[in-house]
Protein backbone atom coordinates (compact mmCIF):
# COMPACT_ATOMS: atom_id res chain seq x y z
CA UNK A 1 0.00 0.00 0.00
CA UNK A 2 1.27 3.45 -0.84
CA UNK A 3 2.10 5.93 1.91
CA UNK A 4 -0.79 8.26 0.98
CA UNK A 5 -3.31 5.40 1.18
CA UNK A 6 -1.83 4.18 4.47
CA UNK A 7 -1.93 7.75 5.80
CA UNK A 8 -5.64 8.04 4.95
CA UNK A 9 -6.34 4.69 6.62
CA UNK A 10 -4.51 5.80 9.77
CA UNK A 11 -6.24 9.21 9.77
CA UNK A 12 -9.61 7.45 9.60
CA UNK A 13 -8.51 5.13 12.42
CA UNK A 14 -7.56 7.95 14.79
CA UNK A 15 -10.63 9.99 13.84
CA UNK A 16 -12.91 7.06 14.63
CA UNK A 17 -10.97 6.31 17.81
CA UNK A 18 -11.42 9.90 18.98
CA UNK A 19 -15.16 9.78 18.30
CA UNK A 20 -15.60 6.43 20.06
CA UNK A 21 -14.12 7.90 23.24
CA UNK A 22 -15.83 11.29 23.08
CA UNK A 23 -12.72 13.16 21.95
CA UNK A 24 -11.81 15.11 18.84
CA UNK A 25 -8.63 15.58 16.83
CA UNK A 26 -6.56 18.74 17.15
CA UNK A 27 -8.06 21.59 15.12
CA UNK A 28 -4.53 22.41 13.87
CA UNK A 29 -4.50 20.40 10.62
CA UNK A 30 -0.72 20.74 10.29
CA UNK A 31 -0.20 19.15 13.71
CA UNK A 32 -2.54 16.28 12.86
CA UNK A 33 -0.78 15.77 9.52
CA UNK A 34 2.63 15.69 11.20
CA UNK A 35 1.72 13.25 13.98
CA UNK A 36 -0.39 10.97 11.78
CA UNK A 37 2.24 11.11 9.04
CA UNK A 38 5.06 10.07 11.35
CA UNK A 39 2.89 7.37 12.90
CA UNK A 40 2.07 6.10 9.40
CA UNK A 41 5.78 6.01 8.57
CA UNK A 42 6.34 3.90 11.70
CA UNK A 43 3.48 1.59 10.69
CA UNK A 44 4.87 1.10 7.20
CA UNK A 45 8.25 0.13 8.63
CA UNK A 46 7.26 -1.79 11.78
CA UNK A 47 3.62 -2.82 11.07
CA UNK A 48 2.41 -1.17 14.29
CA UNK A 49 1.25 2.36 15.08
CA UNK A 50 4.12 3.52 17.26
CA UNK A 51 3.64 6.95 18.80
CA UNK A 52 6.08 9.33 17.10
CA UNK A 53 6.01 11.76 20.03
CA UNK A 54 7.06 9.25 22.68
CA UNK A 55 9.37 7.03 20.64
CA UNK A 56 13.06 6.60 21.17
CA UNK A 57 15.47 7.35 18.34
CA UNK A 58 16.01 4.98 16.72
CA UNK A 59 12.64 3.40 17.39
CA UNK A 60 12.78 0.40 19.73
CA UNK A 61 9.88 -2.00 18.99
CA UNK A 62 10.50 -3.75 22.31
CA UNK A 63 10.03 -0.62 24.44
CA UNK A 64 8.27 2.10 22.44
CA UNK A 65 4.64 3.06 22.88
CA UNK A 66 1.76 2.35 20.53
CA UNK A 67 -0.93 4.95 19.78
CA UNK A 68 -3.09 5.42 21.64
CA UNK A 69 -0.75 5.03 24.59
CA UNK A 70 -1.91 3.69 27.94
CA UNK A 71 -2.07 7.10 29.68
CA UNK A 72 -3.86 8.97 26.83
CA UNK A 73 -7.20 9.21 28.66
CA UNK A 74 -5.55 10.43 31.88
CA UNK A 75 -3.53 13.00 29.90
CA UNK A 76 -6.69 14.27 28.18
CA UNK A 77 -8.58 14.49 31.47
CA UNK A 78 -5.70 16.38 33.11
CA UNK A 79 -4.58 18.67 30.25
CA UNK A 80 -7.57 18.59 27.82
CA UNK A 81 -5.27 16.89 25.28
CA UNK A 82 -2.90 13.96 25.03
CA UNK A 83 0.87 14.41 25.19
CA UNK A 84 1.12 14.49 21.38
CA UNK A 85 -1.65 17.06 21.07
CA UNK A 86 -3.42 14.75 18.63
CA UNK A 87 -6.49 13.97 20.74
CA UNK A 88 -8.47 16.66 22.60
CA UNK A 89 -11.52 16.90 24.80
CA UNK A 90 -14.58 18.00 22.83
C-alpha atoms as a PDB file:
ATOM      1  CA  UNK A   1       0.000   0.000   0.000  1.00  0.00           C
ATOM      2  CA  UNK A   2       1.271   3.450  -0.842  1.00  0.00           C
ATOM      3  CA  UNK A   3       2.097   5.934   1.910  1.00  0.00           C
ATOM      4  CA  UNK A   4      -0.791   8.257   0.978  1.00  0.00           C
ATOM      5  CA  UNK A   5      -3.312   5.402   1.180  1.00  0.00           C
ATOM      6  CA  UNK A   6      -1.833   4.178   4.466  1.00  0.00           C
ATOM      7  CA  UNK A   7      -1.926   7.754   5.800  1.00  0.00           C
ATOM      8  CA  UNK A   8      -5.638   8.043   4.953  1.00  0.00           C
ATOM      9  CA  UNK A   9      -6.336   4.691   6.620  1.00  0.00           C
ATOM     10  CA  UNK A  10      -4.508   5.804   9.772  1.00  0.00           C
ATOM     11  CA  UNK A  11      -6.244   9.211   9.769  1.00  0.00           C
ATOM     12  CA  UNK A  12      -9.605   7.454   9.602  1.00  0.00           C
ATOM     13  CA  UNK A  13      -8.505   5.126  12.421  1.00  0.00           C
ATOM     14  CA  UNK A  14      -7.556   7.950  14.791  1.00  0.00           C
ATOM     15  CA  UNK A  15     -10.634   9.993  13.841  1.00  0.00           C
ATOM     16  CA  UNK A  16     -12.915   7.057  14.633  1.00  0.00           C
ATOM     17  CA  UNK A  17     -10.974   6.310  17.810  1.00  0.00           C
ATOM     18  CA  UNK A  18     -11.424   9.901  18.976  1.00  0.00           C
ATOM     19  CA  UNK A  19     -15.158   9.777  18.302  1.00  0.00           C
ATOM     20  CA  UNK A  20     -15.605   6.435  20.058  1.00  0.00           C
ATOM     21  CA  UNK A  21     -14.121   7.902  23.241  1.00  0.00           C
ATOM     22  CA  UNK A  22     -15.833  11.294  23.076  1.00  0.00           C
ATOM     23  CA  UNK A  23     -12.722  13.160  21.947  1.00  0.00           C
ATOM     24  CA  UNK A  24     -11.808  15.113  18.838  1.00  0.00           C
ATOM     25  CA  UNK A  25      -8.629  15.583  16.834  1.00  0.00           C
ATOM     26  CA  UNK A  26      -6.556  18.739  17.155  1.00  0.00           C
ATOM     27  CA  UNK A  27      -8.056  21.593  15.116  1.00  0.00           C
ATOM     28  CA  UNK A  28      -4.534  22.407  13.869  1.00  0.00           C
ATOM     29  CA  UNK A  29      -4.501  20.399  10.624  1.00  0.00           C
ATOM     30  CA  UNK A  30      -0.717  20.744  10.286  1.00  0.00           C
ATOM     31  CA  UNK A  31      -0.199  19.154  13.711  1.00  0.00           C
ATOM     32  CA  UNK A  32      -2.537  16.276  12.858  1.00  0.00           C
ATOM     33  CA  UNK A  33      -0.784  15.774   9.522  1.00  0.00           C
ATOM     34  CA  UNK A  34       2.630  15.693  11.195  1.00  0.00           C
ATOM     35  CA  UNK A  35       1.719  13.246  13.977  1.00  0.00           C
ATOM     36  CA  UNK A  36      -0.393  10.975  11.781  1.00  0.00           C
ATOM     37  CA  UNK A  37       2.240  11.111   9.040  1.00  0.00           C
ATOM     38  CA  UNK A  38       5.064  10.071  11.352  1.00  0.00           C
ATOM     39  CA  UNK A  39       2.885   7.367  12.901  1.00  0.00           C
ATOM     40  CA  UNK A  40       2.073   6.103   9.398  1.00  0.00           C
ATOM     41  CA  UNK A  41       5.781   6.007   8.574  1.00  0.00           C
ATOM     42  CA  UNK A  42       6.345   3.896  11.701  1.00  0.00           C
ATOM     43  CA  UNK A  43       3.485   1.594  10.687  1.00  0.00           C
ATOM     44  CA  UNK A  44       4.871   1.101   7.196  1.00  0.00           C
ATOM     45  CA  UNK A  45       8.253   0.132   8.627  1.00  0.00           C
ATOM     46  CA  UNK A  46       7.263  -1.795  11.778  1.00  0.00           C
ATOM     47  CA  UNK A  47       3.618  -2.817  11.065  1.00  0.00           C
ATOM     48  CA  UNK A  48       2.410  -1.175  14.289  1.00  0.00           C
ATOM     49  CA  UNK A  49       1.247   2.355  15.075  1.00  0.00           C
ATOM     50  CA  UNK A  50       4.120   3.519  17.256  1.00  0.00           C
ATOM     51  CA  UNK A  51       3.638   6.955  18.797  1.00  0.00           C
ATOM     52  CA  UNK A  52       6.078   9.334  17.099  1.00  0.00           C
ATOM     53  CA  UNK A  53       6.008  11.761  20.033  1.00  0.00           C
ATOM     54  CA  UNK A  54       7.057   9.247  22.677  1.00  0.00           C
ATOM     55  CA  UNK A  55       9.367   7.032  20.644  1.00  0.00           C
ATOM     56  CA  UNK A  56      13.061   6.599  21.166  1.00  0.00           C
ATOM     57  CA  UNK A  57      15.469   7.353  18.338  1.00  0.00           C
ATOM     58  CA  UNK A  58      16.011   4.983  16.721  1.00  0.00           C
ATOM     59  CA  UNK A  59      12.638   3.401  17.393  1.00  0.00           C
ATOM     60  CA  UNK A  60      12.781   0.402  19.732  1.00  0.00           C
ATOM     61  CA  UNK A  61       9.885  -1.996  18.991  1.00  0.00           C
ATOM     62  CA  UNK A  62      10.495  -3.754  22.312  1.00  0.00           C
ATOM     63  CA  UNK A  63      10.028  -0.621  24.436  1.00  0.00           C
ATOM     64  CA  UNK A  64       8.271   2.104  22.440  1.00  0.00           C
ATOM     65  CA  UNK A  65       4.642   3.059  22.881  1.00  0.00           C
ATOM     66  CA  UNK A  66       1.756   2.353  20.526  1.00  0.00           C
ATOM     67  CA  UNK A  67      -0.926   4.951  19.779  1.00  0.00           C
ATOM     68  CA  UNK A  68      -3.095   5.417  21.638  1.00  0.00           C
ATOM     69  CA  UNK A  69      -0.754   5.033  24.592  1.00  0.00           C
ATOM     70  CA  UNK A  70      -1.911   3.690  27.941  1.00  0.00           C
ATOM     71  CA  UNK A  71      -2.066   7.101  29.682  1.00  0.00           C
ATOM     72  CA  UNK A  72      -3.856   8.973  26.834  1.00  0.00           C
ATOM     73  CA  UNK A  73      -7.195   9.212  28.660  1.00  0.00           C
ATOM     74  CA  UNK A  74      -5.546  10.426  31.876  1.00  0.00           C
ATOM     75  CA  UNK A  75      -3.530  12.999  29.897  1.00  0.00           C
ATOM     76  CA  UNK A  76      -6.688  14.266  28.178  1.00  0.00           C
ATOM     77  CA  UNK A  77      -8.581  14.489  31.467  1.00  0.00           C
ATOM     78  CA  UNK A  78      -5.703  16.376  33.106  1.00  0.00           C
ATOM     79  CA  UNK A  79      -4.582  18.670  30.251  1.00  0.00           C
ATOM     80  CA  UNK A  80      -7.572  18.590  27.819  1.00  0.00           C
ATOM     81  CA  UNK A  81      -5.270  16.889  25.279  1.00  0.00           C
ATOM     82  CA  UNK A  82      -2.898  13.965  25.033  1.00  0.00           C
ATOM     83  CA  UNK A  83       0.869  14.408  25.186  1.00  0.00           C
ATOM     84  CA  UNK A  84       1.122  14.487  21.381  1.00  0.00           C
ATOM     85  CA  UNK A  85      -1.646  17.065  21.066  1.00  0.00           C
ATOM     86  CA  UNK A  86      -3.425  14.753  18.628  1.00  0.00           C
ATOM     87  CA  UNK A  87      -6.493  13.969  20.739  1.00  0.00           C
ATOM     88  CA  UNK A  88      -8.469  16.656  22.597  1.00  0.00           C
ATOM     89  CA  UNK A  89     -11.515  16.904  24.797  1.00  0.00           C
ATOM     90  CA  UNK A  90     -14.576  18.000  22.835  1.00  0.00           C
END
